[in-house]
């Protein structure tokens, strides 16, 4: 049995916002509230994208018509998993129960 760090990418929808900064703050706050009772050990970070033209890092948030889509990275330590695939299933199960109706995608998994 091995311990793993699993990083999941999530797409967080935020309504009635005026700026990207507001959208990011609200998304992190909402994610924290939904994760707190059952999965408070999940770390929340803003997703970052690389600009294809200038190769600078950009936060992954977009605001259109006062509605934002914010990419969040959710990291969770999974203990005593049988394999990487098992650790991913455990992470998606734990996080998925807390943040229902939020799409999750495995971004990275590595052994601790």
Protein backbone atom coordinates (compact mmCIF):
# COMPACT_ATOMS: atom_id res chain seq x y z
CA UNK A 1 0.00 0.00 0.00
CA UNK A 2 1.33 3.38 -1.04
CA UNK A 3 0.44 7.02 -0.42
CA UNK A 4 -0.29 9.34 -3.37
CA UNK A 5 -0.89 13.03 -4.03
CA UNK A 6 -3.76 13.38 -6.51
CA UNK A 7 -4.51 16.67 -8.26
CA UNK A 8 -7.97 17.08 -9.76
CA UNK A 9 -8.99 19.86 -12.11
CA UNK A 10 -12.49 21.27 -11.64
CA UNK A 11 -14.63 23.69 -13.62
CA UNK A 12 -16.43 26.05 -11.25
CA UNK A 13 -19.34 28.15 -12.51
CA UNK A 14 -19.93 31.54 -10.82
CA UNK A 15 -22.90 33.75 -11.67
CA UNK A 16 -23.42 37.50 -11.29
CA UNK A 17 -19.79 38.65 -11.24
CA UNK A 18 -18.23 41.73 -12.79
CA UNK A 19 -14.52 40.85 -12.85
CA UNK A 20 -12.19 37.89 -13.06
CA UNK A 21 -10.77 38.64 -9.61
CA UNK A 22 -14.23 38.55 -8.06
CA UNK A 23 -15.00 35.29 -9.85
CA UNK A 24 -11.80 33.65 -8.61
CA UNK A 25 -12.43 34.76 -5.03
CA UNK A 26 -16.02 33.53 -5.06
CA UNK A 27 -15.06 30.19 -6.65
CA UNK A 28 -12.36 29.50 -4.05
CA UNK A 29 -14.72 30.52 -1.23
CA UNK A 30 -17.58 28.34 -2.50
CA UNK A 31 -15.26 25.37 -3.03
CA UNK A 32 -13.90 25.75 0.48
CA UNK A 33 -17.40 25.88 1.98
CA UNK A 34 -18.51 22.76 0.12
CA UNK A 35 -15.33 20.83 0.94
CA UNK A 36 -15.06 21.92 4.57
CA UNK A 37 -17.34 19.53 6.44
CA UNK A 38 -16.38 16.28 4.75
CA UNK A 39 -13.10 16.94 2.92
CA UNK A 40 -11.45 19.87 4.69
CA UNK A 41 -7.98 18.46 3.98
CA UNK A 42 -8.27 19.20 0.23
CA UNK A 43 -6.02 22.05 -0.92
CA UNK A 44 -7.60 24.53 -3.34
CA UNK A 45 -5.54 26.47 -5.90
CA UNK A 46 -6.35 28.52 -8.96
CA UNK A 47 -5.72 26.69 -12.21
CA UNK A 48 -3.06 28.19 -14.43
CA UNK A 49 -2.82 28.12 -18.22
CA UNK A 50 0.14 28.89 -20.46
CA UNK A 51 -0.45 31.53 -23.14
CA UNK A 52 0.31 29.95 -26.54
CA UNK A 53 1.77 33.21 -27.85
CA UNK A 54 3.85 34.73 -25.05
CA UNK A 55 4.19 31.60 -22.84
CA UNK A 56 3.26 33.57 -19.70
CA UNK A 57 1.15 31.99 -16.97
CA UNK A 58 -2.50 33.12 -16.89
CA UNK A 59 -5.17 32.20 -14.36
CA UNK A 60 -7.86 29.97 -15.82
CA UNK A 61 -10.92 32.17 -15.40
CA UNK A 62 -13.20 33.68 -17.99
CA UNK A 63 -16.09 36.10 -17.50
CA UNK A 64 -18.78 36.48 -20.16
CA UNK A 65 -22.17 38.13 -19.59
CA UNK A 66 -21.59 38.37 -15.82
CA UNK A 67 -21.04 34.59 -15.62
CA UNK A 68 -17.61 33.10 -14.99
CA UNK A 69 -15.99 29.74 -15.52
CA UNK A 70 -13.09 29.29 -13.10
CA UNK A 71 -10.62 26.43 -13.25
CA UNK A 72 -9.62 25.19 -9.79
CA UNK A 73 -6.98 22.63 -8.86
CA UNK A 74 -7.93 20.42 -5.92
CA UNK A 75 -5.11 18.43 -4.29
CA UNK A 76 -5.74 15.55 -1.93
CA UNK A 77 -3.43 13.06 -0.24
CA UNK A 78 -4.64 9.49 -0.57
CA UNK A 79 -3.22 7.02 1.92
CA UNK A 80 -2.80 3.26 1.51
CA UNK A 81 -3.94 2.98 -2.12
CA UNK A 82 -3.19 -0.18 -4.06
CA UNK A 83 -2.20 1.66 -7.28
CA UNK A 84 -2.34 5.05 -8.99
CA UNK A 85 -5.71 4.16 -10.51
CA UNK A 86 -7.05 3.20 -7.09
CA UNK A 87 -5.82 6.51 -5.63
CA UNK A 88 -7.56 8.43 -8.45
CA UNK A 89 -10.85 6.60 -7.81
CA UNK A 90 -10.62 7.34 -4.08
CA UNK A 91 -9.85 11.03 -4.68
CA UNK A 92 -12.70 11.46 -7.18
CA UNK A 93 -15.08 9.72 -4.80
CA UNK A 94 -14.17 11.84 -1.77
CA UNK A 95 -14.06 15.17 -3.63
CA UNK A 96 -17.00 14.32 -5.89
CA UNK A 97 -19.30 13.69 -2.91
CA UNK A 98 -18.48 17.13 -1.51
CA UNK A 99 -18.75 19.12 -4.75
CA UNK A 100 -21.66 17.47 -6.52
CA UNK A 101 -22.46 18.70 -10.05
CA UNK A 102 -18.92 20.05 -10.54
CA UNK A 103 -16.94 18.30 -13.29
CA UNK A 104 -13.65 16.75 -12.14
CA UNK A 105 -10.73 15.57 -14.24
CA UNK A 106 -7.53 13.91 -13.06
CA UNK A 107 -4.64 16.30 -13.69
CA UNK A 108 -1.71 14.66 -11.89
CA UNK A 109 -0.93 11.81 -9.53
CA UNK A 110 2.40 11.00 -7.95
CA UNK A 111 3.67 8.75 -5.22
CA UNK A 112 4.63 10.29 -1.87
